[in-house]
PDB file of N, CA and C in Angstrom:
ATOM      1  N   MET A   1       0.883  -1.143   0.067  1.00  0.00           N
ATOM      2  CA  MET A   1      -0.237   0.195  -0.065  1.00  0.00           C
ATOM      3  C   MET A   1       1.113   1.189   0.490  1.00  0.00           C
ATOM      4  N   GLN A   2       0.559   1.940  -0.657  1.00  0.00           N
ATOM      5  CA  GLN A   2       1.363   3.454  -0.453  1.00  0.00           C
ATOM      6  C   GLN A   2       0.255   4.110   0.051  1.00  0.00           C
ATOM      7  N   SER A   3       1.818   5.076   0.716  1.00  0.00           N
ATOM      8  CA  SER A   3       1.764   5.585   2.013  1.00  0.00           C
ATOM      9  C   SER A   3       0.700   6.781   1.871  1.00  0.00           C
ATOM     10  N   ASP A   4       0.159   7.899   2.728  1.00  0.00           N
ATOM     11  CA  ASP A   4      -0.526   8.967   2.636  1.00  0.00           C
ATOM     12  C   ASP A   4       0.552  10.167   1.675  1.00  0.00           C
ATOM     13  N   ALA A   5       1.968   9.938   2.468  1.00  0.00           N
ATOM     14  CA  ALA A   5       2.580  10.828   1.610  1.00  0.00           C
ATOM     15  C   ALA A   5       3.308  10.695  -0.112  1.00  0.00           C
ATOM     16  N   THR A   6       3.170   9.582  -0.093  1.00  0.00           N
ATOM     17  CA  THR A   6       3.399   8.804  -1.451  1.00  0.00           C
ATOM     18  C   THR A   6       1.993   9.718  -2.341  1.00  0.00           C
ATOM     19  N   ARG A   7       0.830   8.999  -1.848  1.00  0.00           N
ATOM     20  CA  ARG A   7      -0.211   9.392  -2.017  1.00  0.00           C
ATOM     21  C   ARG A   7      -0.829  10.697  -3.012  1.00  0.00           C
ATOM     22  N   ASN A   8       0.065  11.892  -1.952  1.00  0.00           N
ATOM     23  CA  ASN A   8      -0.306  13.679  -2.070  1.00  0.00           C
ATOM     24  C   ASN A   8       0.774  13.620  -3.017  1.00  0.00           C
ATOM     25  N   PHE A   9       1.431  13.208  -2.465  1.00  0.00           N
ATOM     26  CA  PHE A   9       3.124  13.654  -3.865  1.00  0.00           C
ATOM     27  C   PHE A   9       2.704  13.634  -5.207  1.00  0.00           C
ATOM     28  N   ASP A  10       1.967  11.954  -5.871  1.00  0.00           N
ATOM     29  CA  ASP A  10       1.466  11.582  -6.680  1.00  0.00           C
ATOM     30  C   ASP A  10      -0.360  12.634  -7.207  1.00  0.00           C
ATOM     31  N   LYS A  11      -0.485  13.366  -6.462  1.00  0.00           N
ATOM     32  CA  LYS A  11      -1.743  13.978  -7.181  1.00  0.00           C
ATOM     33  C   LYS A  11      -1.651  15.536  -6.582  1.00  0.00           C
ATOM     34  N   THR A  12      -0.413  15.898  -6.133  1.00  0.00           N
ATOM     35  CA  THR A  12       0.143  17.289  -6.774  1.00  0.00           C
ATOM     36  C   THR A  12       1.156  17.362  -7.921  1.00  0.00           C
ATOM     37  N   ALA A  13       1.998  16.506  -8.254  1.00  0.00           N
ATOM     38  CA  ALA A  13       2.530  16.149  -9.666  1.00  0.00           C
ATOM     39  C   ALA A  13       1.761  16.413 -10.567  1.00  0.00           C
ATOM     40  N   SER A  14       0.357  15.129 -10.168  1.00  0.00           N
ATOM     41  CA  SER A  14      -0.989  15.230 -11.495  1.00  0.00           C
ATOM     42  C   SER A  14      -1.694  16.626 -11.305  1.00  0.00           C
ATOM     43  N   ALA A  15      -1.608  17.342 -10.378  1.00  0.00           N
ATOM     44  CA  ALA A  15      -2.167  18.433 -10.663  1.00  0.00           C
ATOM     45  C   ALA A  15      -1.016  19.762 -11.446  1.00  0.00           C
ATOM     46  N   LYS A  16       0.127  20.134 -11.366  1.00  0.00           N
ATOM     47  CA  LYS A  16       0.837  20.405 -11.912  1.00  0.00           C
ATOM     48  C   LYS A  16       1.084  20.282 -12.968  1.00  0.00           C
ATOM     49  N   SER A  17       1.180  19.025 -13.153  1.00  0.00           N
ATOM     50  CA  SER A  17       1.175  18.686 -15.000  1.00  0.00           C
ATOM     51  C   SER A  17       0.090  19.065 -15.492  1.00  0.00           C
ATOM     52  N   ASN A  18      -1.302  19.116 -14.821  1.00  0.00           N
ATOM     53  CA  ASN A  18      -2.508  19.561 -15.839  1.00  0.00           C
ATOM     54  C   ASN A  18      -2.748  21.272 -15.782  1.00  0.00           C
ATOM     55  N   ASP A  19      -2.226  21.661 -14.671  1.00  0.00           N
ATOM     56  CA  ASP A  19      -1.803  23.307 -14.228  1.00  0.00           C
ATOM     57  C   ASP A  19      -0.692  23.527 -15.760  1.00  0.00           C
ATOM     58  N   GLY A  20      -0.064  22.533 -15.943  1.00  0.00           N
ATOM     59  CA  GLY A  20       1.467  23.055 -16.562  1.00  0.00           C
ATOM     60  C   GLY A  20       0.944  23.073 -18.321  1.00  0.00           C
ATOM     61  N   GLU A  21      -0.577  21.827 -18.811  1.00  0.00           N
ATOM     62  CA  GLU A  21      -0.746  21.498 -19.752  1.00  0.00           C
ATOM     63  C   GLU A  21      -2.237  22.400 -19.680  1.00  0.00           C
ATOM     64  N   SER A  22      -2.605  22.966 -18.847  1.00  0.00           N
ATOM     65  CA  SER A  22      -3.369  23.828 -18.809  1.00  0.00           C
ATOM     66  C   SER A  22      -3.480  25.166 -19.430  1.00  0.00           C
ATOM     67  N   ASN A  23      -2.298  25.749 -18.638  1.00  0.00           N
ATOM     68  CA  ASN A  23      -1.642  27.174 -18.705  1.00  0.00           C
ATOM     69  C   ASN A  23      -0.856  26.452 -21.038  1.00  0.00           C
ATOM     70  N   ARG A  24      -0.091  25.408 -20.629  1.00  0.00           N
ATOM     71  CA  ARG A  24      -0.221  25.501 -21.953  1.00  0.00           C
ATOM     72  C   ARG A  24      -1.395  26.155 -23.599  1.00  0.00           C
ATOM     73  N   ASN A  25      -2.533  25.250 -23.362  1.00  0.00           N
ATOM     74  CA  ASN A  25      -3.576  25.343 -23.676  1.00  0.00           C
ATOM     75  C   ASN A  25      -3.758  27.003 -23.558  1.00  0.00           C
ATOM     76  N   ASP A  26      -3.734  27.765 -22.707  1.00  0.00           N
ATOM     77  CA  ASP A  26      -4.122  29.057 -22.856  1.00  0.00           C
ATOM     78  C   ASP A  26      -3.186  30.024 -23.616  1.00  0.00           C
ATOM     79  N   LEU A  27      -1.750  29.718 -23.163  1.00  0.00           N
ATOM     80  CA  LEU A  27      -1.260  30.307 -23.979  1.00  0.00           C
ATOM     81  C   LEU A  27      -1.198  30.512 -25.602  1.00  0.00           C
ATOM     82  N   GLU A  28      -1.895  29.316 -25.957  1.00  0.00           N
ATOM     83  CA  GLU A  28      -1.256  28.619 -27.436  1.00  0.00           C
ATOM     84  C   GLU A  28      -3.117  29.731 -27.625  1.00  0.00           C
ATOM     85  N   THR A  29      -4.036  29.860 -26.696  1.00  0.00           N
ATOM     86  CA  THR A  29      -5.552  30.358 -27.454  1.00  0.00           C
ATOM     87  C   THR A  29      -4.918  31.646 -27.202  1.00  0.00           C
ATOM     88  N   LEU A  30      -3.966  32.089 -25.649  1.00  0.00           N
ATOM     89  CA  LEU A  30      -4.142  33.661 -26.057  1.00  0.00           C
ATOM     90  C   LEU A  30      -3.370  34.163 -27.453  1.00  0.00           C
ATOM     91  N   ARG A  31      -2.219  32.888 -27.954  1.00  0.00           N
ATOM     92  CA  ARG A  31      -1.564  33.602 -29.203  1.00  0.00           C
ATOM     93  C   ARG A  31      -2.370  33.731 -30.155  1.00  0.00           C
ATOM     94  N   ARG A  32      -3.330  32.512 -30.158  1.00  0.00           N
ATOM     95  CA  ARG A  32      -4.642  32.522 -31.921  1.00  0.00           C
ATOM     96  C   ARG A  32      -5.170  33.884 -31.276  1.00  0.00           C
ATOM     97  N   GLU A  33      -5.543  34.482 -30.272  1.00  0.00           N
ATOM     98  CA  GLU A  33      -6.230  35.157 -30.130  1.00  0.00           C
ATOM     99  C   GLU A  33      -5.516  36.737 -30.933  1.00  0.00           C
ATOM    100  N   VAL A  34      -4.410  36.868 -30.494  1.00  0.00           N
ATOM    101  CA  VAL A  34      -3.256  38.160 -30.478  1.00  0.00           C
ATOM    102  C   VAL A  34      -3.574  38.234 -32.015  1.00  0.00           C
ATOM    103  N   ASN A  35      -2.854  37.198 -32.361  1.00  0.00           N
ATOM    104  CA  ASN A  35      -2.639  37.079 -34.170  1.00  0.00           C
ATOM    105  C   ASN A  35      -3.816  37.660 -34.867  1.00  0.00           C
ATOM    106  N   LYS A  36      -5.242  37.001 -34.544  1.00  0.00           N
ATOM    107  CA  LYS A  36      -6.598  37.609 -35.262  1.00  0.00           C
ATOM    108  C   LYS A  36      -6.799  39.505 -35.106  1.00  0.00           C
ATOM    109  N   LEU A  37      -6.234  39.240 -33.729  1.00  0.00           N
ATOM    110  CA  LEU A  37      -6.751  40.787 -33.630  1.00  0.00           C
ATOM    111  C   LEU A  37      -5.414  41.281 -34.121  1.00  0.00           C
ATOM    112  N   ALA A  38      -3.972  41.065 -34.890  1.00  0.00           N
ATOM    113  CA  ALA A  38      -3.217  41.780 -35.484  1.00  0.00           C
ATOM    114  C   ALA A  38      -3.633  41.851 -36.978  1.00  0.00           C
ATOM    115  N   GLN A  39      -4.627  40.498 -37.083  1.00  0.00           N
ATOM    116  CA  GLN A  39      -5.137  40.413 -38.721  1.00  0.00           C
ATOM    117  C   GLN A  39      -6.010  41.695 -38.581  1.00  0.00           C
ATOM    118  N   THR A  40      -6.345  42.001 -38.018  1.00  0.00           N
ATOM    119  CA  THR A  40      -7.847  42.887 -37.820  1.00  0.00           C
ATOM    120  C   THR A  40      -7.238  44.012 -37.815  1.00  0.00           C
ATOM    121  N   VAL A  41      -6.120  44.325 -36.887  1.00  0.00           N
ATOM    122  CA  VAL A  41      -5.732  45.754 -37.438  1.00  0.00           C
ATOM    123  C   VAL A  41      -4.985  45.728 -38.331  1.00  0.00           C
ATOM    124  N   GLY A  42      -4.444  44.639 -38.857  1.00  0.00           N
ATOM    125  CA  GLY A  42      -4.154  44.985 -40.581  1.00  0.00           C
ATOM    126  C   GLY A  42      -4.743  45.190 -41.476  1.00  0.00           C
ATOM    127  N   ASP A  43      -5.848  44.511 -41.142  1.00  0.00           N
ATOM    128  CA  ASP A  43      -7.139  44.590 -42.193  1.00  0.00           C
ATOM    129  C   ASP A  43      -8.150  45.838 -41.958  1.00  0.00           C
ATOM    130  N   LEU A  44      -8.158  46.594 -41.380  1.00  0.00           N
ATOM    131  CA  LEU A  44      -8.578  48.091 -40.737  1.00  0.00           C
ATOM    132  C   LEU A  44      -7.819  49.002 -41.461  1.00  0.00           C
ATOM    133  N   THR A  45      -6.424  48.696 -41.384  1.00  0.00           N
ATOM    134  CA  THR A  45      -5.332  50.053 -41.691  1.00  0.00           C
ATOM    135  C   THR A  45      -5.499  49.918 -42.981  1.00  0.00           C
ATOM    136  N   GLN A  46      -5.313  48.937 -43.464  1.00  0.00           N
ATOM    137  CA  GLN A  46      -5.542  48.807 -44.770  1.00  0.00           C
ATOM    138  C   GLN A  46      -7.190  49.302 -45.600  1.00  0.00           C
ATOM    139  N   ASN A  47      -7.944  48.905 -44.552  1.00  0.00           N
ATOM    140  CA  ASN A  47      -9.153  50.064 -45.490  1.00  0.00           C
ATOM    141  C   ASN A  47      -8.955  51.260 -45.346  1.00  0.00           C
ATOM    142  N   GLN A  48      -8.438  51.943 -44.146  1.00  0.00           N
ATOM    143  CA  GLN A  48      -8.432  53.285 -43.964  1.00  0.00           C
ATOM    144  C   GLN A  48      -7.572  53.827 -44.870  1.00  0.00           C
ATOM    145  N   ILE A  49      -6.148  53.227 -45.296  1.00  0.00           N
ATOM    146  CA  ILE A  49      -5.297  53.669 -46.501  1.00  0.00           C
ATOM    147  C   ILE A  49      -5.574  53.510 -47.594  1.00  0.00           C
ATOM    148  N   SER A  50      -6.823  52.618 -47.935  1.00  0.00           N
ATOM    149  CA  SER A  50      -7.929  52.619 -49.120  1.00  0.00           C
ATOM    150  C   SER A  50      -8.392  53.965 -49.497  1.00  0.00           C
ATOM    151  N   SER A  51      -9.651  54.308 -48.132  1.00  0.00           N
ATOM    152  CA  SER A  51     -10.190  54.879 -48.518  1.00  0.00           C
ATOM    153  C   SER A  51     -10.050  55.531 -48.441  1.00  0.00           C
ATOM    154  N   ALA A  52      -8.775  56.361 -48.168  1.00  0.00           N
ATOM    155  CA  ALA A  52      -7.764  58.160 -47.525  1.00  0.00           C
ATOM    156  C   ALA A  52      -7.339  57.995 -49.347  1.00  0.00           C
ATOM    157  N   ARG A  53      -6.953  56.985 -50.125  1.00  0.00           N
ATOM    158  CA  ARG A  53      -6.690  57.271 -51.278  1.00  0.00           C
ATOM    159  C   ARG A  53      -7.507  57.746 -52.545  1.00  0.00           C
ATOM    160  N   GLY A  54      -8.393  56.890 -52.014  1.00  0.00           N
ATOM    161  CA  GLY A  54      -9.787  57.319 -52.631  1.00  0.00           C
ATOM    162  C   GLY A  54     -10.165  58.650 -52.512  1.00  0.00           C
ATOM    163  N   GLN A  55     -10.161  59.266 -51.625  1.00  0.00           N
ATOM    164  CA  GLN A  55     -10.374  60.406 -51.127  1.00  0.00           C
ATOM    165  C   GLN A  55      -9.036  61.757 -51.877  1.00  0.00           C
ATOM    166  N   VAL A  56      -8.032  61.238 -51.652  1.00  0.00           N
ATOM    167  CA  VAL A  56      -6.747  61.955 -52.100  1.00  0.00           C
ATOM    168  C   VAL A  56      -6.945  61.791 -53.582  1.00  0.00           C
ATOM    169  N   SER A  57      -7.862  60.399 -54.056  1.00  0.00           N
ATOM    170  CA  SER A  57      -7.832  60.884 -55.399  1.00  0.00           C
ATOM    171  C   SER A  57      -9.168  61.562 -56.808  1.00  0.00           C
ATOM    172  N   GLN A  58      -9.950  61.405 -55.261  1.00  0.00           N
ATOM    173  CA  GLN A  58     -11.515  62.432 -56.013  1.00  0.00           C
ATOM    174  C   GLN A  58     -10.910  63.840 -55.242  1.00  0.00           C
ATOM    175  N   ALA A  59     -10.009  64.471 -54.469  1.00  0.00           N
ATOM    176  CA  ALA A  59      -9.374  65.870 -54.498  1.00  0.00           C
ATOM    177  C   ALA A  59      -8.915  66.416 -55.531  1.00  0.00           C
ATOM    178  N   LEU A  60      -7.485  64.826 -55.850  1.00  0.00           N
ATOM    179  CA  LEU A  60      -7.055  66.096 -57.258  1.00  0.00           C
ATOM    180  C   LEU A  60      -7.376  65.814 -58.986  1.00  0.00           C
ATOM    181  N   GLY A  61      -8.487  64.943 -58.669  1.00  0.00           N
ATOM    182  CA  GLY A  61      -9.479  65.292 -59.785  1.00  0.00           C
ATOM    183  C   GLY A  61     -10.238  65.907 -59.785  1.00  0.00           C
ATOM    184  N   ALA A  62     -10.951  66.916 -58.475  1.00  0.00           N
ATOM    185  CA  ALA A  62     -11.341  68.027 -58.938  1.00  0.00           C
ATOM    186  C   ALA A  62     -10.828  69.270 -59.001  1.00  0.00           C
ATOM    187  N   ALA A  63      -9.573  69.430 -58.333  1.00  0.00           N
ATOM    188  CA  ALA A  63      -8.384  70.110 -58.289  1.00  0.00           C
ATOM    189  C   ALA A  63      -8.022  70.151 -59.853  1.00  0.00           C
ATOM    190  N   SER A  64      -7.758  69.242 -60.002  1.00  0.00           N
ATOM    191  CA  SER A  64      -7.608  69.295 -61.721  1.00  0.00           C
ATOM    192  C   SER A  64      -8.692  69.891 -62.644  1.00  0.00           C
ATOM    193  N   ASP A  65      -9.673  69.424 -62.407  1.00  0.00           N
ATOM    194  CA  ASP A  65     -10.515  70.024 -63.113  1.00  0.00           C
ATOM    195  C   ASP A  65     -10.877  71.407 -62.904  1.00  0.00           C
ATOM    196  N   GLN A  66     -10.725  72.206 -61.672  1.00  0.00           N
ATOM    197  CA  GLN A  66     -10.902  73.618 -61.981  1.00  0.00           C
ATOM    198  C   GLN A  66      -9.372  74.497 -62.552  1.00  0.00           C
ATOM    199  N   LEU A  67      -8.410  73.806 -62.653  1.00  0.00           N
ATOM    200  CA  LEU A  67      -7.764  73.548 -63.151  1.00  0.00           C
ATOM    201  C   LEU A  67      -7.478  74.427 -64.442  1.00  0.00           C
ATOM    202  N   ALA A  68      -8.348  72.894 -64.943  1.00  0.00           N
ATOM    203  CA  ALA A  68      -8.720  73.084 -66.321  1.00  0.00           C
ATOM    204  C   ALA A  68      -9.727  74.303 -66.870  1.00  0.00           C
ATOM    205  N   GLN A  69     -10.497  74.315 -65.830  1.00  0.00           N
ATOM    206  CA  GLN A  69     -11.758  75.549 -66.193  1.00  0.00           C
ATOM    207  C   GLN A  69     -10.568  77.189 -65.832  1.00  0.00           C
ATOM    208  N   SER A  70     -10.123  77.055 -65.181  1.00  0.00           N
ATOM    209  CA  SER A  70      -9.331  77.987 -64.963  1.00  0.00           C
ATOM    210  C   SER A  70      -8.888  78.755 -65.654  1.00  0.00           C
ATOM    211  N   ALA A  71      -7.815  77.600 -66.588  1.00  0.00           N
ATOM    212  CA  ALA A  71      -7.134  77.581 -67.648  1.00  0.00           C
ATOM    213  C   ALA A  71      -7.605  78.689 -68.733  1.00  0.00           C
ATOM    214  N   ALA A  72      -8.909  77.588 -69.369  1.00  0.00           N
ATOM    215  CA  ALA A  72      -9.864  77.630 -70.443  1.00  0.00           C
ATOM    216  C   ALA A  72     -10.626  79.588 -70.207  1.00  0.00           C
ATOM    217  N   ALA A  73     -11.046  79.108 -69.015  1.00  0.00           N
ATOM    218  CA  ALA A  73     -11.189  80.728 -68.655  1.00  0.00           C
ATOM    219  C   ALA A  73     -10.114  82.075 -69.261  1.00  0.00           C
ATOM    220  N   THR A  74      -9.126  81.639 -67.959  1.00  0.00           N
ATOM    221  CA  THR A  74      -7.814  82.739 -68.852  1.00  0.00           C
ATOM    222  C   THR A  74      -7.760  83.259 -69.899  1.00  0.00           C
ATOM    223  N   GLN A  75      -7.833  81.552 -70.904  1.00  0.00           N
ATOM    224  CA  GLN A  75      -7.456  81.926 -72.239  1.00  0.00           C
ATOM    225  C   GLN A  75      -8.034  83.053 -72.815  1.00  0.00           C
ATOM    226  N   ASP A  76      -9.621  82.317 -72.745  1.00  0.00           N
ATOM    227  CA  ASP A  76     -11.268  82.842 -73.166  1.00  0.00           C
ATOM    228  C   ASP A  76     -10.450  84.141 -73.515  1.00  0.00           C
ATOM    229  N   ARG A  77     -10.090  85.071 -71.657  1.00  0.00           N
ATOM    230  CA  ARG A  77     -10.313  86.365 -71.925  1.00  0.00           C
ATOM    231  C   ARG A  77      -9.220  87.039 -72.431  1.00  0.00           C
ATOM    232  N   LEU A  78      -7.410  86.221 -72.024  1.00  0.00           N
ATOM    233  CA  LEU A  78      -6.958  87.178 -73.078  1.00  0.00           C
ATOM    234  C   LEU A  78      -7.120  86.895 -74.643  1.00  0.00           C
ATOM    235  N   MET A  79      -7.630  85.643 -75.056  1.00  0.00           N
ATOM    236  CA  MET A  79      -8.074  85.889 -76.445  1.00  0.00           C
ATOM    237  C   MET A  79      -8.738  87.769 -76.720  1.00  0.00           C
ATOM    238  N   SER A  80      -9.934  87.390 -75.393  1.00  0.00           N
ATOM    239  CA  SER A  80     -11.063  88.584 -76.137  1.00  0.00           C
ATOM    240  C   SER A  80     -10.484  90.091 -76.079  1.00  0.00           C
ATOM    241  N   LEU A  81      -8.993  89.825 -74.393  1.00  0.00           N
ATOM    242  CA  LEU A  81      -8.128  91.107 -74.747  1.00  0.00           C
ATOM    243  C   LEU A  81      -7.272  91.535 -76.064  1.00  0.00           C
ATOM    244  N   GLU A  82      -7.129  90.417 -76.472  1.00  0.00           N
ATOM    245  CA  GLU A  82      -6.513  90.855 -77.436  1.00  0.00           C
ATOM    246  C   GLU A  82      -7.089  90.702 -78.700  1.00  0.00           C
ATOM    247  N   ALA A  83      -8.513  90.393 -79.028  1.00  0.00           N
ATOM    248  CA  ALA A  83      -8.970  91.066 -79.728  1.00  0.00           C
ATOM    249  C   ALA A  83      -9.621  92.463 -80.036  1.00  0.00           C
ATOM    250  N   ASP A  84     -10.142  93.018 -78.595  1.00  0.00           N
ATOM    251  CA  ASP A  84      -9.732  93.900 -77.998  1.00  0.00           C
ATOM    252  C   ASP A  84      -8.624  95.508 -78.405  1.00  0.00           C
ATOM    253  N   LEU A  85      -8.053  95.143 -78.010  1.00  0.00           N
ATOM    254  CA  LEU A  85      -6.973  95.815 -78.408  1.00  0.00           C
ATOM    255  C   LEU A  85      -5.828  95.542 -80.314  1.00  0.00           C
ATOM    256  N   GLU A  86      -6.548  94.762 -80.553  1.00  0.00           N
ATOM    257  CA  GLU A  86      -6.381  94.469 -82.276  1.00  0.00           C
ATOM    258  C   GLU A  86      -7.411  95.369 -82.621  1.00  0.00           C
ATOM    259  N   ASN A  87      -8.775  95.690 -82.293  1.00  0.00           N
ATOM    260  CA  ASN A  87      -9.822  96.887 -82.672  1.00  0.00           C
ATOM    261  C   ASN A  87      -9.209  98.033 -82.543  1.00  0.00           C
ATOM    262  N   TYR A  88      -9.012  98.529 -81.390  1.00  0.00           N
ATOM    263  CA  TYR A  88      -8.351  99.469 -80.991  1.00  0.00           C
ATOM    264  C   TYR A  88      -7.152 100.472 -82.514  1.00  0.00           C
ATOM    265  N   VAL A  89      -6.446  98.908 -82.045  1.00  0.00           N
ATOM    266  CA  VAL A  89      -5.272  99.742 -83.206  1.00  0.00           C
ATOM    267  C   VAL A  89      -5.646 100.367 -84.115  1.00  0.00           C
ATOM    268  N   ARG A  90      -6.836  99.168 -84.906  1.00  0.00           N
ATOM    269  CA  ARG A  90      -7.009  99.545 -85.873  1.00  0.00           C
ATOM    270  C   ARG A  90      -7.599 100.613 -86.050  1.00  0.00           C
ATOM    271  N   GLN A  91      -8.433 101.270 -84.997  1.00  0.00           N
ATOM    272  CA  GLN A  91      -9.957 102.674 -85.125  1.00  0.00           C
ATOM    273  C   GLN A  91      -8.449 103.897 -84.747  1.00  0.00           C
ATOM    274  N   LYS A  92      -7.669 103.089 -84.313  1.00  0.00           N
ATOM    275  CA  LYS A  92      -6.819 104.580 -83.507  1.00  0.00           C
ATOM    276  C   LYS A  92      -5.436 103.955 -84.183  1.00  0.00           C
ATOM    277  N   PRO A  93      -5.196 104.360 -85.280  1.00  0.00           N
ATOM    278  CA  PRO A  93      -3.692 103.916 -85.413  1.00  0.00           C
ATOM    279  C   PRO A  93      -2.117 104.916 -85.557  1.00  0.00           C
ATOM    280  N   LEU A  94      -2.705 105.842 -85.719  1.00  0.00           N
ATOM    281  CA  LEU A  94      -1.702 107.439 -84.989  1.00  0.00           C
ATOM    282  C   LEU A  94      -1.466 107.248 -83.744  1.00  0.00           C
ATOM    283  N   TYR A  95      -2.831 107.204 -83.128  1.00  0.00           N
ATOM    284  CA  TYR A  95      -2.398 107.343 -81.599  1.00  0.00           C
ATOM    285  C   TYR A  95      -1.552 106.222 -80.615  1.00  0.00           C
ATOM    286  N   SER A  96      -2.024 104.959 -81.860  1.00  0.00           N
ATOM    287  CA  SER A  96      -1.461 103.645 -81.463  1.00  0.00           C
ATOM    288  C   SER A  96      -0.063 103.689 -81.145  1.00  0.00           C
ATOM    289  N   VAL A  97       0.585 104.117 -82.789  1.00  0.00           N
ATOM    290  CA  VAL A  97       1.460 104.088 -82.957  1.00  0.00           C
ATOM    291  C   VAL A  97       2.763 105.562 -82.512  1.00  0.00           C
ATOM    292  N   LEU A  98       1.848 106.423 -81.430  1.00  0.00           N
ATOM    293  CA  LEU A  98       3.156 107.356 -80.919  1.00  0.00           C
ATOM    294  C   LEU A  98       3.302 106.634 -78.876  1.00  0.00           C
ATOM    295  N   VAL A  99       1.653 105.928 -78.855  1.00  0.00           N
ATOM    296  CA  VAL A  99       1.732 104.882 -77.699  1.00  0.00           C
ATOM    297  C   VAL A  99       2.904 103.677 -78.001  1.00  0.00           C
ATOM    298  N   ALA A 100       2.929 103.107 -78.537  1.00  0.00           N
ATOM    299  CA  ALA A 100       4.397 102.388 -78.286  1.00  0.00           C
ATOM    300  C   ALA A 100       5.715 103.208 -78.506  1.00  0.00           C
ATOM    301  N   LEU A 101       5.721 104.159 -79.766  1.00  0.00           N
ATOM    302  CA  LEU A 101       6.935 104.822 -79.730  1.00  0.00           C
ATOM    303  C   LEU A 101       7.686 105.656 -78.166  1.00  0.00           C
ATOM    304  N   GLY A 102       6.321 105.786 -77.384  1.00  0.00           N
ATOM    305  CA  GLY A 102       6.359 106.345 -76.157  1.00  0.00           C
ATOM    306  C   GLY A 102       6.961 105.228 -74.990  1.00  0.00           C
ATOM    307  N   VAL A 103       6.416 104.058 -74.696  1.00  0.00           N
ATOM    308  CA  VAL A 103       6.570 102.791 -74.109  1.00  0.00           C
ATOM    309  C   VAL A 103       8.027 102.815 -74.222  1.00  0.00           C
ATOM    310  N   GLY A 104       8.553 102.475 -75.899  1.00  0.00           N
ATOM    311  CA  GLY A 104       9.555 102.214 -76.341  1.00  0.00           C
ATOM    312  C   GLY A 104      11.041 103.354 -75.725  1.00  0.00           C
ATOM    313  N   PHE A 105      10.719 104.720 -76.166  1.00  0.00           N
ATOM    314  CA  PHE A 105      11.501 105.176 -75.667  1.00  0.00           C
ATOM    315  C   PHE A 105      11.895 105.185 -73.811  1.00  0.00           C
ATOM    316  N   LEU A 106      10.761 105.177 -72.935  1.00  0.00           N
ATOM    317  CA  LEU A 106      10.546 105.344 -71.696  1.00  0.00           C
ATOM    318  C   LEU A 106      11.651 103.763 -71.433  1.00  0.00           C
ATOM    319  N   LEU A 107      11.275 102.475 -72.117  1.00  0.00           N
ATOM    320  CA  LEU A 107      11.897 101.245 -71.831  1.00  0.00           C
ATOM    321  C   LEU A 107      13.749 101.488 -71.833  1.00  0.00           C
ATOM    322  N   GLY A 108      13.978 102.090 -73.216  1.00  0.00           N
ATOM    323  CA  GLY A 108      14.941 102.451 -73.580  1.00  0.00           C
ATOM    324  C   GLY A 108      15.611 103.518 -72.391  1.00  0.00           C
ATOM    325  N   LYS A 109      15.296 104.143 -71.659  1.00  0.00           N
ATOM    326  CA  LYS A 109      15.605 105.001 -70.744  1.00  0.00           C
ATOM    327  C   LYS A 109      16.509 104.035 -69.324  1.00  0.00           C
ATOM    328  N   MET A 110      15.709 103.343 -69.585  1.00  0.00           N
ATOM    329  CA  MET A 110      15.631 102.090 -67.938  1.00  0.00           C
ATOM    330  C   MET A 110      16.818 101.241 -68.610  1.00  0.00           C
ATOM    331  N   SER A 111      17.110 101.343 -69.972  1.00  0.00           N
ATOM    332  CA  SER A 111      17.768 100.142 -69.640  1.00  0.00           C
ATOM    333  C   SER A 111      19.269 100.915 -69.843  1.00  0.00           C
TER     334      SER A 111
END
């Protein structure tokens, strides 16, 4: 027959063995949960990056469209000014030549 001390030792060793196995299982579960969490955070980050890219792309497209419209409006305005100046020179050729001579004289004095 086993003595009480031997039985208690066997029970303690068995309990420690079960505790060690339980701890390993808990650790494995924790590791899986941490991996899932890391994957979820990675997925969320990717979604945020994709969303930000889309917003930046839309903003750049809108800015590009606005710039193209401004350039077209400026070109139209310059063409209109050119036509107005041409009409003015045709209506008052002598005055236009005198103004051109005056501007040329002033520019010549500056240099």
